[in-house]
Amino acid sequence: MKDLITRLVSLQQIDTRILEKRAFIDKVPGRINEVDEPLKAAKAELERVKQKNEASARKKKEKEQLLEEINDKIKKAKGRIADLKTNKEYQAHLKEIEASEREIRSIEDQILVIMEEMEKSLQNQQQIAGRVKTEEDNLNVFRKGLEEEVAQYEKELEGLKAERGDLAASVDRDVYNAYMTLLSTGNGVAVTSARNEICTGCNMNIPPQLFVELRKGEELIQCPQCRRILFYSEEQ
């Protein structure tokens, strides 16, 4: 019986290592997503700034086209001065030209403001683009490191599974089936130690007489509370 308990303890140790490595591998996508968040945020910010700059460029172009139209209007207006017949028409015509020229100066000021804003925004865009590059590099380094760890874990898993197969084959089928059921219901722990009359799996007290029997190691004993298979551990 002691030999069976020893094999079950060894099987639990192997399964614990297997579960830990599988848990690590399963969490890799989530860990990558977490590290990817700053990159996503930087890319989103970069896209917003790009759109803003594109809108500013369109607005500047519209203002420049309007300038061309007003300048063309002034040119044509000046070309008609010779055709004016009265001083009243002349004065009205001059006022119209002056109004157009004032509008030109206003639009030119607006274009200057747009250009200044675009210059600052383009500098900001370059900074954000640099941040995106940094975050991409960080993510690539992190992903490469995880991939190397996963490859190592998968290699170790192959060895553990082979070792587990040999060990599981040496355990009575009924006991093994009970072990697997406990492994599933016990959050990956089917075999646990008992120390100082306490089950380390659920931290509940073990009846003194049952603990005495456990110390003898002559039969398979389960915790009355969590039902895990118990093995005796020296008191500390």
C-alpha atoms as a PDB file:
ATOM      1  CA  MET A   1       0.000   0.000   0.000  1.00  0.00           C
ATOM      2  CA  LYS A   2       2.851   2.381   0.812  1.00  0.00           C
ATOM      3  CA  ASP A   3       4.226   1.789  -2.672  1.00  0.00           C
ATOM      4  CA  LEU A   4       0.822   2.683  -4.189  1.00  0.00           C
ATOM      5  CA  ILE A   5       0.643   5.876  -2.154  1.00  0.00           C
ATOM      6  CA  THR A   6       4.172   6.756  -3.260  1.00  0.00           C
ATOM      7  CA  ARG A   7       3.184   6.256  -6.900  1.00  0.00           C
ATOM      8  CA  LEU A   8       0.068   8.399  -6.414  1.00  0.00           C
ATOM      9  CA  VAL A   9       2.127  11.176  -4.823  1.00  0.00           C
ATOM     10  CA  SER A  10       4.554  11.018  -7.759  1.00  0.00           C
ATOM     11  CA  LEU A  11       1.636  11.056 -10.199  1.00  0.00           C
ATOM     12  CA  GLN A  12       0.204  14.128  -8.465  1.00  0.00           C
ATOM     13  CA  GLN A  13       3.576  15.872  -8.660  1.00  0.00           C
ATOM     14  CA  ILE A  14       3.787  15.202 -12.395  1.00  0.00           C
ATOM     15  CA  ASP A  15       0.194  16.304 -12.968  1.00  0.00           C
ATOM     16  CA  THR A  16       0.826  19.490 -10.983  1.00  0.00           C
ATOM     17  CA  ARG A  17       3.770  20.316 -13.245  1.00  0.00           C
ATOM     18  CA  ILE A  18       1.733  19.464 -16.356  1.00  0.00           C
ATOM     19  CA  LEU A  19      -1.173  21.642 -15.228  1.00  0.00           C
ATOM     20  CA  GLU A  20       1.157  24.539 -14.411  1.00  0.00           C
ATOM     21  CA  LYS A  21       2.782  24.391 -17.842  1.00  0.00           C
ATOM     22  CA  ARG A  22      -0.563  24.071 -19.612  1.00  0.00           C
ATOM     23  CA  ALA A  23      -1.925  27.005 -17.621  1.00  0.00           C
ATOM     24  CA  PHE A  24       1.086  29.086 -18.674  1.00  0.00           C
ATOM     25  CA  ILE A  25       0.587  28.177 -22.339  1.00  0.00           C
ATOM     26  CA  ASP A  26      -3.162  28.850 -22.169  1.00  0.00           C
ATOM     27  CA  LYS A  27      -2.558  32.311 -20.699  1.00  0.00           C
ATOM     28  CA  VAL A  28      -0.103  33.364 -23.413  1.00  0.00           C
ATOM     29  CA  PRO A  29      -2.733  34.933 -25.746  1.00  0.00           C
ATOM     30  CA  GLY A  30      -4.161  36.932 -22.845  1.00  0.00           C
ATOM     31  CA  ARG A  31      -0.714  38.125 -21.766  1.00  0.00           C
ATOM     32  CA  ILE A  32       0.058  39.219 -25.320  1.00  0.00           C
ATOM     33  CA  ASN A  33      -3.237  41.105 -25.457  1.00  0.00           C
ATOM     34  CA  GLU A  34      -2.378  42.893 -22.214  1.00  0.00           C
ATOM     35  CA  VAL A  35       1.017  43.970 -23.520  1.00  0.00           C
ATOM     36  CA  ASP A  36      -0.633  44.883 -26.837  1.00  0.00           C
ATOM     37  CA  GLU A  37      -2.937  47.452 -25.182  1.00  0.00           C
ATOM     38  CA  PRO A  38      -0.387  50.341 -25.161  1.00  0.00           C
ATOM     39  CA  LEU A  39       0.324  49.648 -28.844  1.00  0.00           C
ATOM     40  CA  LYS A  40      -3.387  49.682 -29.694  1.00  0.00           C
ATOM     41  CA  ALA A  41      -3.808  52.947 -27.784  1.00  0.00           C
ATOM     42  CA  ALA A  42      -0.822  54.524 -29.549  1.00  0.00           C
ATOM     43  CA  LYS A  43      -2.097  53.404 -32.961  1.00  0.00           C
ATOM     44  CA  ALA A  44      -5.568  54.781 -32.217  1.00  0.00           C
ATOM     45  CA  GLU A  45      -4.065  58.113 -31.138  1.00  0.00           C
ATOM     46  CA  LEU A  46      -1.878  58.189 -34.248  1.00  0.00           C
ATOM     47  CA  GLU A  47      -4.919  57.577 -36.440  1.00  0.00           C
ATOM     48  CA  ARG A  48      -6.825  60.409 -34.746  1.00  0.00           C
ATOM     49  CA  VAL A  49      -3.926  62.828 -35.274  1.00  0.00           C
ATOM     50  CA  LYS A  50      -3.557  61.732 -38.910  1.00  0.00           C
ATOM     51  CA  GLN A  51      -7.242  62.340 -39.547  1.00  0.00           C
ATOM     52  CA  LYS A  52      -6.991  65.742 -37.878  1.00  0.00           C
ATOM     53  CA  ASN A  53      -4.004  66.682 -40.058  1.00  0.00           C
ATOM     54  CA  GLU A  54      -5.768  65.456 -43.185  1.00  0.00           C
ATOM     55  CA  ALA A  55      -8.805  67.567 -42.273  1.00  0.00           C
ATOM     56  CA  SER A  56      -6.537  70.589 -41.702  1.00  0.00           C
ATOM     57  CA  ALA A  57      -4.849  70.017 -45.058  1.00  0.00           C
ATOM     58  CA  ARG A  58      -8.244  69.895 -46.769  1.00  0.00           C
ATOM     59  CA  LYS A  59      -9.313  73.070 -44.984  1.00  0.00           C
ATOM     60  CA  LYS A  60      -6.096  74.835 -46.036  1.00  0.00           C
ATOM     61  CA  LYS A  61      -6.629  73.768 -49.635  1.00  0.00           C
ATOM     62  CA  GLU A  62     -10.204  75.075 -49.547  1.00  0.00           C
ATOM     63  CA  LYS A  63      -8.971  78.416 -48.220  1.00  0.00           C
ATOM     64  CA  GLU A  64      -6.290  78.609 -50.932  1.00  0.00           C
ATOM     65  CA  GLN A  65      -8.873  77.851 -53.619  1.00  0.00           C
ATOM     66  CA  LEU A  66     -11.087  80.583 -52.178  1.00  0.00           C
ATOM     67  CA  LEU A  67      -8.134  82.975 -52.340  1.00  0.00           C
ATOM     68  CA  GLU A  68      -7.662  82.170 -56.016  1.00  0.00           C
ATOM     69  CA  GLU A  69     -11.337  82.828 -56.687  1.00  0.00           C
ATOM     70  CA  ILE A  70     -11.294  86.184 -54.858  1.00  0.00           C
ATOM     71  CA  ASN A  71      -8.056  87.241 -56.552  1.00  0.00           C
ATOM     72  CA  ASP A  72      -9.595  86.353 -59.895  1.00  0.00           C
ATOM     73  CA  LYS A  73     -12.682  88.338 -58.917  1.00  0.00           C
ATOM     74  CA  ILE A  74     -10.532  91.386 -58.028  1.00  0.00           C
ATOM     75  CA  LYS A  75      -8.604  91.086 -61.269  1.00  0.00           C
ATOM     76  CA  LYS A  76     -11.804  91.065 -63.270  1.00  0.00           C
ATOM     77  CA  ALA A  77     -13.231  93.931 -61.219  1.00  0.00           C
ATOM     78  CA  LYS A  78     -10.174  96.062 -61.876  1.00  0.00           C
ATOM     79  CA  GLY A  79     -10.448  95.243 -65.561  1.00  0.00           C
ATOM     80  CA  ARG A  80     -13.956  96.740 -65.621  1.00  0.00           C
ATOM     81  CA  ILE A  81     -12.957 100.098 -64.084  1.00  0.00           C
ATOM     82  CA  ALA A  82     -12.444 101.673 -67.494  1.00  0.00           C
ATOM     83  CA  ASP A  83     -16.039 100.880 -68.393  1.00  0.00           C
ATOM     84  CA  LEU A  84     -17.526 102.765 -65.433  1.00  0.00           C
ATOM     85  CA  LYS A  85     -19.360 105.907 -66.434  1.00  0.00           C
ATOM     86  CA  THR A  86     -20.080 107.752 -63.175  1.00  0.00           C
ATOM     87  CA  ASN A  87     -18.140 108.593 -60.038  1.00  0.00           C
ATOM     88  CA  LYS A  88     -20.793 106.803 -57.948  1.00  0.00           C
ATOM     89  CA  GLU A  89     -20.264 103.604 -59.875  1.00  0.00           C
ATOM     90  CA  TYR A  90     -16.520 104.072 -59.517  1.00  0.00           C
ATOM     91  CA  GLN A  91     -16.697 104.527 -55.713  1.00  0.00           C
ATOM     92  CA  ALA A  92     -18.997 101.534 -55.341  1.00  0.00           C
ATOM     93  CA  HIS A  93     -16.631  99.481 -57.442  1.00  0.00           C
ATOM     94  CA  LEU A  94     -13.642 100.492 -55.323  1.00  0.00           C
ATOM     95  CA  LYS A  95     -15.495  99.553 -52.156  1.00  0.00           C
ATOM     96  CA  GLU A  96     -16.232  96.164 -53.634  1.00  0.00           C
ATOM     97  CA  ILE A  97     -12.554  95.645 -54.460  1.00  0.00           C
ATOM     98  CA  GLU A  98     -11.506  96.828 -50.988  1.00  0.00           C
ATOM     99  CA  ALA A  99     -13.962  94.418 -49.355  1.00  0.00           C
ATOM    100  CA  SER A 100     -12.530  91.585 -51.420  1.00  0.00           C
ATOM    101  CA  GLU A 101      -8.990  92.579 -50.452  1.00  0.00           C
ATOM    102  CA  ARG A 102      -9.967  92.644 -46.760  1.00  0.00           C
ATOM    103  CA  GLU A 103     -11.443  89.196 -47.197  1.00  0.00           C
ATOM    104  CA  ILE A 104      -8.176  88.042 -48.757  1.00  0.00           C
ATOM    105  CA  ARG A 105      -6.162  89.316 -45.771  1.00  0.00           C
ATOM    106  CA  SER A 106      -8.571  87.561 -43.399  1.00  0.00           C
ATOM    107  CA  ILE A 107      -8.276  84.286 -45.302  1.00  0.00           C
ATOM    108  CA  GLU A 108      -4.481  84.579 -45.424  1.00  0.00           C
ATOM    109  CA  ASP A 109      -4.456  85.004 -41.632  1.00  0.00           C
ATOM    110  CA  GLN A 110      -6.665  81.932 -41.306  1.00  0.00           C
ATOM    111  CA  ILE A 111      -4.289  79.958 -43.529  1.00  0.00           C
ATOM    112  CA  LEU A 112      -1.336  81.009 -41.356  1.00  0.00           C
ATOM    113  CA  VAL A 113      -3.153  79.804 -38.238  1.00  0.00           C
ATOM    114  CA  ILE A 114      -3.963  76.487 -39.932  1.00  0.00           C
ATOM    115  CA  MET A 115      -0.329  76.084 -41.018  1.00  0.00           C
ATOM    116  CA  GLU A 116       0.954  76.767 -37.499  1.00  0.00           C
ATOM    117  CA  GLU A 117      -1.493  74.243 -36.047  1.00  0.00           C
ATOM    118  CA  MET A 118      -0.523  71.711 -38.721  1.00  0.00           C
ATOM    119  CA  GLU A 119       3.177  72.155 -37.970  1.00  0.00           C
ATOM    120  CA  LYS A 120       2.638  71.419 -34.276  1.00  0.00           C
ATOM    121  CA  SER A 121       0.270  68.570 -35.051  1.00  0.00           C
ATOM    122  CA  LEU A 122       2.701  67.005 -37.546  1.00  0.00           C
ATOM    123  CA  GLN A 123       5.432  67.107 -34.909  1.00  0.00           C
ATOM    124  CA  ASN A 124       3.035  65.412 -32.523  1.00  0.00           C
ATOM    125  CA  GLN A 125       2.237  62.837 -35.209  1.00  0.00           C
ATOM    126  CA  GLN A 126       5.930  62.044 -35.586  1.00  0.00           C
ATOM    127  CA  GLN A 127       6.310  61.609 -31.821  1.00  0.00           C
ATOM    128  CA  ILE A 128       3.318  59.284 -31.664  1.00  0.00           C
ATOM    129  CA  ALA A 129       4.621  57.335 -34.665  1.00  0.00           C
ATOM    130  CA  GLY A 130       7.870  56.889 -32.750  1.00  0.00           C
ATOM    131  CA  ARG A 131       5.927  55.633 -29.753  1.00  0.00           C
ATOM    132  CA  VAL A 132       4.058  53.176 -31.981  1.00  0.00           C
ATOM    133  CA  LYS A 133       7.395  51.859 -33.273  1.00  0.00           C
ATOM    134  CA  THR A 134       8.708  51.487 -29.710  1.00  0.00           C
ATOM    135  CA  GLU A 135       5.578  49.642 -28.584  1.00  0.00           C
ATOM    136  CA  GLU A 136       5.771  47.367 -31.644  1.00  0.00           C
ATOM    137  CA  ASP A 137       9.389  46.538 -30.823  1.00  0.00           C
ATOM    138  CA  ASN A 138       8.507  45.878 -27.178  1.00  0.00           C
ATOM    139  CA  LEU A 139       5.636  43.609 -28.191  1.00  0.00           C
ATOM    140  CA  ASN A 140       7.805  41.688 -30.645  1.00  0.00           C
ATOM    141  CA  VAL A 141      10.481  41.124 -28.002  1.00  0.00           C
ATOM    142  CA  PHE A 142       7.839  40.052 -25.466  1.00  0.00           C
ATOM    143  CA  ARG A 143       6.120  37.747 -27.974  1.00  0.00           C
ATOM    144  CA  LYS A 144       9.425  36.175 -29.003  1.00  0.00           C
ATOM    145  CA  GLY A 145      10.288  35.523 -25.355  1.00  0.00           C
ATOM    146  CA  LEU A 146       6.911  33.901 -24.747  1.00  0.00           C
ATOM    147  CA  GLU A 147       7.212  31.792 -27.873  1.00  0.00           C
ATOM    148  CA  GLU A 148      10.583  30.502 -26.674  1.00  0.00           C
ATOM    149  CA  GLU A 149       9.115  29.705 -23.250  1.00  0.00           C
ATOM    150  CA  VAL A 150       6.118  27.972 -24.816  1.00  0.00           C
ATOM    151  CA  ALA A 151       8.406  25.894 -27.033  1.00  0.00           C
ATOM    152  CA  GLN A 152      10.432  24.882 -23.974  1.00  0.00           C
ATOM    153  CA  TYR A 153       7.288  24.075 -21.967  1.00  0.00           C
ATOM    154  CA  GLU A 154       5.830  22.011 -24.789  1.00  0.00           C
ATOM    155  CA  LYS A 155       9.082  20.063 -24.999  1.00  0.00           C
ATOM    156  CA  GLU A 156       8.974  19.478 -21.233  1.00  0.00           C
ATOM    157  CA  LEU A 157       5.334  18.443 -21.481  1.00  0.00           C
ATOM    158  CA  GLU A 158       6.236  15.699 -23.928  1.00  0.00           C
ATOM    159  CA  GLY A 159       8.688  14.269 -21.409  1.00  0.00           C
ATOM    160  CA  LEU A 160       6.246  14.623 -18.523  1.00  0.00           C
ATOM    161  CA  LYS A 161       3.456  12.934 -20.471  1.00  0.00           C
ATOM    162  CA  ALA A 162       5.735   9.990 -21.283  1.00  0.00           C
ATOM    163  CA  GLU A 163       6.782   9.720 -17.634  1.00  0.00           C
ATOM    164  CA  ARG A 164       3.166  10.037 -16.547  1.00  0.00           C
ATOM    165  CA  GLY A 165       2.036   7.300 -18.923  1.00  0.00           C
ATOM    166  CA  ASP A 166       4.484   4.813 -17.448  1.00  0.00           C
ATOM    167  CA  LEU A 167       3.541   5.764 -13.891  1.00  0.00           C
ATOM    168  CA  ALA A 168      -0.224   5.730 -14.524  1.00  0.00           C
ATOM    169  CA  ALA A 169       0.049   2.252 -16.022  1.00  0.00           C
ATOM    170  CA  SER A 170       1.450   0.985 -12.729  1.00  0.00           C
ATOM    171  CA  VAL A 171      -1.588   2.156 -10.726  1.00  0.00           C
ATOM    172  CA  ASP A 172      -4.653  -0.034 -10.219  1.00  0.00           C
ATOM    173  CA  ARG A 173      -7.373   1.032 -12.690  1.00  0.00           C
ATOM    174  CA  ASP A 174     -10.052   1.613 -10.071  1.00  0.00           C
ATOM    175  CA  VAL A 175      -7.684   3.695  -7.982  1.00  0.00           C
ATOM    176  CA  TYR A 176      -6.525   5.580 -11.062  1.00  0.00           C
ATOM    177  CA  ASN A 177     -10.106   6.348 -12.112  1.00  0.00           C
ATOM    178  CA  ALA A 178     -10.869   7.607  -8.602  1.00  0.00           C
ATOM    179  CA  TYR A 179      -7.685   9.690  -8.756  1.00  0.00           C
ATOM    180  CA  MET A 180      -8.714  11.269 -12.076  1.00  0.00           C
ATOM    181  CA  THR A 181     -12.166  12.111 -10.724  1.00  0.00           C
ATOM    182  CA  LEU A 182     -10.607  13.809  -7.708  1.00  0.00           C
ATOM    183  CA  LEU A 183      -8.128  15.623  -9.942  1.00  0.00           C
ATOM    184  CA  SER A 184     -11.061  17.104 -11.863  1.00  0.00           C
ATOM    185  CA  THR A 185     -13.195  18.008  -8.857  1.00  0.00           C
ATOM    186  CA  GLY A 186     -10.298  19.102  -6.659  1.00  0.00           C
ATOM    187  CA  ASN A 187      -8.960  21.900  -8.865  1.00  0.00           C
ATOM    188  CA  GLY A 188      -6.041  19.810 -10.059  1.00  0.00           C
ATOM    189  CA  VAL A 189      -5.221  18.329  -6.634  1.00  0.00           C
ATOM    190  CA  ALA A 190      -6.215  14.713  -6.000  1.00  0.00           C
ATOM    191  CA  VAL A 191      -3.463  13.785  -3.547  1.00  0.00           C
ATOM    192  CA  THR A 192      -2.403  16.037  -0.705  1.00  0.00           C
ATOM    193  CA  SER A 193      -0.436  15.811   2.496  1.00  0.00           C
ATOM    194  CA  ALA A 194      -1.748  15.671   6.036  1.00  0.00           C
ATOM    195  CA  ARG A 195       0.275  17.358   8.724  1.00  0.00           C
ATOM    196  CA  ASN A 196      -0.447  17.954  12.407  1.00  0.00           C
ATOM    197  CA  GLU A 197      -3.842  16.263  11.962  1.00  0.00           C
ATOM    198  CA  ILE A 198      -4.779  18.814   9.266  1.00  0.00           C
ATOM    199  CA  CYS A 199      -5.480  18.205   5.567  1.00  0.00           C
ATOM    200  CA  THR A 200      -3.332  20.663   3.624  1.00  0.00           C
ATOM    201  CA  GLY A 201      -5.787  20.486   0.750  1.00  0.00           C
ATOM    202  CA  CYS A 202      -8.765  21.999   2.600  1.00  0.00           C
ATOM    203  CA  ASN A 203      -7.175  22.946   5.974  1.00  0.00           C
ATOM    204  CA  MET A 204      -9.756  20.908   7.876  1.00  0.00           C
ATOM    205  CA  ASN A 205      -8.967  18.804  10.949  1.00  0.00           C
ATOM    206  CA  ILE A 206      -8.596  15.044  10.513  1.00  0.00           C
ATOM    207  CA  PRO A 207     -10.061  12.837  13.278  1.00  0.00           C
ATOM    208  CA  PRO A 208      -7.224  11.614  15.549  1.00  0.00           C
ATOM    209  CA  GLN A 209      -7.923   7.906  14.956  1.00  0.00           C
ATOM    210  CA  LEU A 210      -8.016   8.422  11.181  1.00  0.00           C
ATOM    211  CA  PHE A 211      -4.734  10.295  11.394  1.00  0.00           C
ATOM    212  CA  VAL A 212      -3.218   7.367  13.309  1.00  0.00           C
ATOM    213  CA  GLU A 213      -4.278   5.023  10.512  1.00  0.00           C
ATOM    214  CA  LEU A 214      -2.867   7.430   7.944  1.00  0.00           C
ATOM    215  CA  ARG A 215       0.516   7.413   9.648  1.00  0.00           C
ATOM    216  CA  LYS A 216       0.606   3.639   9.456  1.00  0.00           C
ATOM    217  CA  GLY A 217       0.298   3.829   5.659  1.00  0.00           C
ATOM    218  CA  GLU A 218      -1.474   0.509   5.428  1.00  0.00           C
ATOM    219  CA  GLU A 219      -4.547   1.688   3.537  1.00  0.00           C
ATOM    220  CA  LEU A 220      -5.699   4.409   1.166  1.00  0.00           C
ATOM    221  CA  ILE A 221      -7.311   7.181   3.204  1.00  0.00           C
ATOM    222  CA  GLN A 222      -9.286  10.167   1.964  1.00  0.00           C
ATOM    223  CA  CYS A 223      -9.975  13.437   3.714  1.00  0.00           C
ATOM    224  CA  PRO A 224     -13.471  13.308   5.259  1.00  0.00           C
ATOM    225  CA  GLN A 225     -14.050  16.892   4.101  1.00  0.00           C
ATOM    226  CA  CYS A 226     -12.584  17.348   0.586  1.00  0.00           C
ATOM    227  CA  ARG A 227     -12.264  13.599  -0.259  1.00  0.00           C
ATOM    228  CA  ARG A 228      -8.698  14.029  -1.525  1.00  0.00           C
ATOM    229  CA  ILE A 229      -6.313  11.097  -1.080  1.00  0.00           C
ATOM    230  CA  LEU A 230      -4.067  11.765   1.887  1.00  0.00           C
ATOM    231  CA  PHE A 231      -0.436  10.917   2.596  1.00  0.00           C
ATOM    232  CA  TYR A 232       1.346  11.511   5.865  1.00  0.00           C
ATOM    233  CA  SER A 233       3.836  14.351   6.141  1.00  0.00           C
ATOM    234  CA  GLU A 234       6.159  14.761   9.105  1.00  0.00           C
ATOM    235  CA  GLU A 235       4.822  17.190  11.724  1.00  0.00           C
ATOM    236  CA  GLN A 236       6.516  20.577  11.940  1.00  0.00           C
END
